[in-house]
Amino acid sequence: MSQTKHKILIIEDDAFLLTMYSTKFELEGYEVLTSDEGDRGLKLAQKENPDIILLDVLLPKMNGFEVLKELKKNDKTKDIKVLLLTNLSQRGEVQQGLDLGAIDYLIKAHYMPSEVVERVEKILK
């Protein structure tokens, strides 16, 4: 359980996963913001300045790589930690995400929600 209430933004277009992750993080004491579209998620990040963003890559309106690029070139949001959480697992896609400034890249199918929470906890320490 996190001592200070960290703010996490989850940008994920799969309603089931979005609900599952937001519920899991709320149970762990996080303030959770959510978006199911890339462009809306970007606006939310700029407005709310979360501590960390869980970002899917395949999103409507604006994909996760575009969101990440925009976050990193804006002075207000460039220092927000971004963890890509996606099913894209090609080496080139992973590398692209890291090159754009993501702190880590998790393949959804390889991690349980509790493991994602643990990874976020480590990043925020």
C-alpha atoms as a PDB file:
ATOM      1  CA  MET A   1       0.000   0.000   0.000  1.00  0.00           C
ATOM      2  CA  SER A   2       1.454   3.353  -0.940  1.00  0.00           C
ATOM      3  CA  GLN A   3       1.939   5.769   1.966  1.00  0.00           C
ATOM      4  CA  THR A   4       1.306   8.949  -0.013  1.00  0.00           C
ATOM      5  CA  LYS A   5      -1.640   8.832  -2.338  1.00  0.00           C
ATOM      6  CA  HIS A   6      -0.078   8.630  -5.775  1.00  0.00           C
ATOM      7  CA  LYS A   7      -2.077   9.717  -8.787  1.00  0.00           C
ATOM      8  CA  ILE A   8      -2.105   7.257 -11.687  1.00  0.00           C
ATOM      9  CA  LEU A   9      -3.611   7.796 -15.127  1.00  0.00           C
ATOM     10  CA  ILE A  10      -4.619   4.656 -17.018  1.00  0.00           C
ATOM     11  CA  ILE A  11      -5.120   5.111 -20.760  1.00  0.00           C
ATOM     12  CA  GLU A  12      -6.648   1.895 -22.076  1.00  0.00           C
ATOM     13  CA  ASP A  13      -9.433   1.352 -24.622  1.00  0.00           C
ATOM     14  CA  ASP A  14     -10.462  -2.117 -23.432  1.00  0.00           C
ATOM     15  CA  ALA A  15     -13.293  -1.423 -20.945  1.00  0.00           C
ATOM     16  CA  PHE A  16     -12.749  -4.682 -19.038  1.00  0.00           C
ATOM     17  CA  LEU A  17      -9.005  -4.067 -18.567  1.00  0.00           C
ATOM     18  CA  LEU A  18      -9.561  -0.407 -17.727  1.00  0.00           C
ATOM     19  CA  THR A  19     -12.022  -1.342 -14.972  1.00  0.00           C
ATOM     20  CA  MET A  20      -9.824  -4.179 -13.702  1.00  0.00           C
ATOM     21  CA  TYR A  21      -6.672  -2.041 -13.448  1.00  0.00           C
ATOM     22  CA  SER A  22      -8.430   1.004 -12.022  1.00  0.00           C
ATOM     23  CA  THR A  23     -10.131  -1.126  -9.352  1.00  0.00           C
ATOM     24  CA  LYS A  24      -6.833  -2.818  -8.466  1.00  0.00           C
ATOM     25  CA  PHE A  25      -4.993   0.505  -8.110  1.00  0.00           C
ATOM     26  CA  GLU A  26      -7.852   2.069  -6.102  1.00  0.00           C
ATOM     27  CA  LEU A  27      -7.714  -0.886  -3.703  1.00  0.00           C
ATOM     28  CA  GLU A  28      -3.984  -0.210  -3.310  1.00  0.00           C
ATOM     29  CA  GLY A  29      -4.705   3.397  -2.298  1.00  0.00           C
ATOM     30  CA  TYR A  30      -4.067   5.229  -5.563  1.00  0.00           C
ATOM     31  CA  GLU A  31      -6.046   8.135  -6.925  1.00  0.00           C
ATOM     32  CA  VAL A  32      -7.033   6.766 -10.339  1.00  0.00           C
ATOM     33  CA  LEU A  33      -7.810   8.722 -13.486  1.00  0.00           C
ATOM     34  CA  THR A  34      -8.857   6.900 -16.644  1.00  0.00           C
ATOM     35  CA  SER A  35      -9.288   7.499 -20.347  1.00  0.00           C
ATOM     36  CA  ASP A  36     -10.275   5.161 -23.154  1.00  0.00           C
ATOM     37  CA  GLU A  37      -8.841   7.389 -25.927  1.00  0.00           C
ATOM     38  CA  GLY A  38      -5.327   8.638 -26.557  1.00  0.00           C
ATOM     39  CA  ASP A  39      -6.159  12.293 -27.193  1.00  0.00           C
ATOM     40  CA  ARG A  40      -8.420  12.524 -24.128  1.00  0.00           C
ATOM     41  CA  GLY A  41      -5.764  10.791 -22.036  1.00  0.00           C
ATOM     42  CA  LEU A  42      -3.160  13.317 -23.182  1.00  0.00           C
ATOM     43  CA  LYS A  43      -5.426  16.233 -22.190  1.00  0.00           C
ATOM     44  CA  LEU A  44      -6.088  14.599 -18.824  1.00  0.00           C
ATOM     45  CA  ALA A  45      -2.342  14.149 -18.230  1.00  0.00           C
ATOM     46  CA  GLN A  46      -1.716  17.820 -19.039  1.00  0.00           C
ATOM     47  CA  LYS A  47      -4.519  18.931 -16.725  1.00  0.00           C
ATOM     48  CA  GLU A  48      -3.994  16.539 -13.787  1.00  0.00           C
ATOM     49  CA  ASN A  49      -0.210  15.934 -13.888  1.00  0.00           C
ATOM     50  CA  PRO A  50      -0.301  12.327 -12.550  1.00  0.00           C
ATOM     51  CA  ASP A  51       2.721  10.665 -10.936  1.00  0.00           C
ATOM     52  CA  ILE A  52       2.652   7.843 -13.467  1.00  0.00           C
ATOM     53  CA  ILE A  53       0.741   6.839 -16.588  1.00  0.00           C
ATOM     54  CA  LEU A  54      -0.117   3.300 -17.680  1.00  0.00           C
ATOM     55  CA  LEU A  55      -0.408   3.693 -21.427  1.00  0.00           C
ATOM     56  CA  ASP A  56      -1.730   1.258 -24.009  1.00  0.00           C
ATOM     57  CA  VAL A  57      -0.299   1.635 -27.524  1.00  0.00           C
ATOM     58  CA  LEU A  58      -3.296   0.678 -29.669  1.00  0.00           C
ATOM     59  CA  LEU A  59      -5.815   3.425 -28.889  1.00  0.00           C
ATOM     60  CA  PRO A  60      -8.539   5.292 -30.779  1.00  0.00           C
ATOM     61  CA  LYS A  61      -7.996   8.921 -31.883  1.00  0.00           C
ATOM     62  CA  MET A  62      -4.265   8.982 -31.032  1.00  0.00           C
ATOM     63  CA  ASN A  63      -2.039   5.949 -30.459  1.00  0.00           C
ATOM     64  CA  GLY A  64       0.113   5.490 -27.371  1.00  0.00           C
ATOM     65  CA  PHE A  65       3.367   6.315 -29.159  1.00  0.00           C
ATOM     66  CA  GLU A  66       1.871   9.656 -30.292  1.00  0.00           C
ATOM     67  CA  VAL A  67       0.619  10.349 -26.753  1.00  0.00           C
ATOM     68  CA  LEU A  68       4.078   9.541 -25.353  1.00  0.00           C
ATOM     69  CA  LYS A  69       5.775  11.794 -27.924  1.00  0.00           C
ATOM     70  CA  GLU A  70       3.463  14.697 -27.007  1.00  0.00           C
ATOM     71  CA  LEU A  71       3.947  14.141 -23.265  1.00  0.00           C
ATOM     72  CA  LYS A  72       7.729  14.172 -23.581  1.00  0.00           C
ATOM     73  CA  LYS A  73       7.910  17.393 -25.622  1.00  0.00           C
ATOM     74  CA  ASN A  74       5.723  19.385 -23.206  1.00  0.00           C
ATOM     75  CA  ASP A  75       7.622  20.951 -20.271  1.00  0.00           C
ATOM     76  CA  LYS A  76       4.687  20.390 -17.912  1.00  0.00           C
ATOM     77  CA  THR A  77       4.391  16.648 -18.640  1.00  0.00           C
ATOM     78  CA  LYS A  78       7.870  15.566 -19.778  1.00  0.00           C
ATOM     79  CA  ASP A  79       8.862  14.242 -16.341  1.00  0.00           C
ATOM     80  CA  ILE A  80       5.761  12.086 -15.812  1.00  0.00           C
ATOM     81  CA  LYS A  81       6.787   8.441 -15.673  1.00  0.00           C
ATOM     82  CA  VAL A  82       5.123   6.447 -18.444  1.00  0.00           C
ATOM     83  CA  LEU A  83       4.777   2.679 -18.363  1.00  0.00           C
ATOM     84  CA  LEU A  84       3.596   1.180 -21.642  1.00  0.00           C
ATOM     85  CA  LEU A  85       1.145  -1.651 -21.063  1.00  0.00           C
ATOM     86  CA  THR A  86       0.274  -3.299 -24.351  1.00  0.00           C
ATOM     87  CA  ASN A  87       0.014  -6.521 -26.293  1.00  0.00           C
ATOM     88  CA  LEU A  88       2.421  -5.318 -28.975  1.00  0.00           C
ATOM     89  CA  SER A  89       5.517  -7.366 -28.325  1.00  0.00           C
ATOM     90  CA  GLN A  90       7.754  -6.966 -31.380  1.00  0.00           C
ATOM     91  CA  ARG A  91      11.269  -5.909 -30.459  1.00  0.00           C
ATOM     92  CA  GLY A  92      10.993  -2.815 -32.686  1.00  0.00           C
ATOM     93  CA  GLU A  93       7.807  -1.670 -30.943  1.00  0.00           C
ATOM     94  CA  VAL A  94       9.304  -2.220 -27.508  1.00  0.00           C
ATOM     95  CA  GLN A  95      12.418  -0.274 -28.542  1.00  0.00           C
ATOM     96  CA  GLN A  96      10.326   2.531 -30.057  1.00  0.00           C
ATOM     97  CA  GLY A  97       8.426   2.930 -26.788  1.00  0.00           C
ATOM     98  CA  LEU A  98      11.624   3.067 -24.747  1.00  0.00           C
ATOM     99  CA  ASP A  99      13.283   5.442 -27.229  1.00  0.00           C
ATOM    100  CA  LEU A 100      10.301   7.790 -26.926  1.00  0.00           C
ATOM    101  CA  GLY A 101      10.845   7.953 -23.175  1.00  0.00           C
ATOM    102  CA  ALA A 102       8.760   5.205 -21.586  1.00  0.00           C
ATOM    103  CA  ILE A 103      10.299   4.030 -18.326  1.00  0.00           C
ATOM    104  CA  ASP A 104       9.260   0.420 -18.993  1.00  0.00           C
ATOM    105  CA  TYR A 105       7.258  -1.715 -21.394  1.00  0.00           C
ATOM    106  CA  LEU A 106       4.991  -4.493 -20.148  1.00  0.00           C
ATOM    107  CA  ILE A 107       3.215  -7.024 -22.336  1.00  0.00           C
ATOM    108  CA  LYS A 108      -0.343  -7.321 -20.927  1.00  0.00           C
ATOM    109  CA  ALA A 109      -0.566 -11.060 -21.466  1.00  0.00           C
ATOM    110  CA  HIS A 110       2.599 -11.650 -19.402  1.00  0.00           C
ATOM    111  CA  TYR A 111       1.564  -9.810 -16.221  1.00  0.00           C
ATOM    112  CA  MET A 112      -1.150 -10.197 -13.600  1.00  0.00           C
ATOM    113  CA  PRO A 113      -2.634  -6.908 -12.319  1.00  0.00           C
ATOM    114  CA  SER A 114      -0.899  -7.423  -8.967  1.00  0.00           C
ATOM    115  CA  GLU A 115       2.461  -7.655 -10.788  1.00  0.00           C
ATOM    116  CA  VAL A 116       1.699  -4.415 -12.642  1.00  0.00           C
ATOM    117  CA  VAL A 117       0.952  -2.741  -9.290  1.00  0.00           C
ATOM    118  CA  GLU A 118       4.291  -4.048  -7.919  1.00  0.00           C
ATOM    119  CA  ARG A 119       6.134  -2.655 -10.942  1.00  0.00           C
ATOM    120  CA  VAL A 120       4.461   0.740 -10.512  1.00  0.00           C
ATOM    121  CA  GLU A 121       5.318   0.744  -6.779  1.00  0.00           C
ATOM    122  CA  LYS A 122       9.005   0.108  -7.609  1.00  0.00           C
ATOM    123  CA  ILE A 123       9.059   2.880 -10.216  1.00  0.00           C
ATOM    124  CA  LEU A 124       7.498   5.406  -7.833  1.00  0.00           C
ATOM    125  CA  LYS A 125       9.903   4.669  -4.957  1.00  0.00           C
END
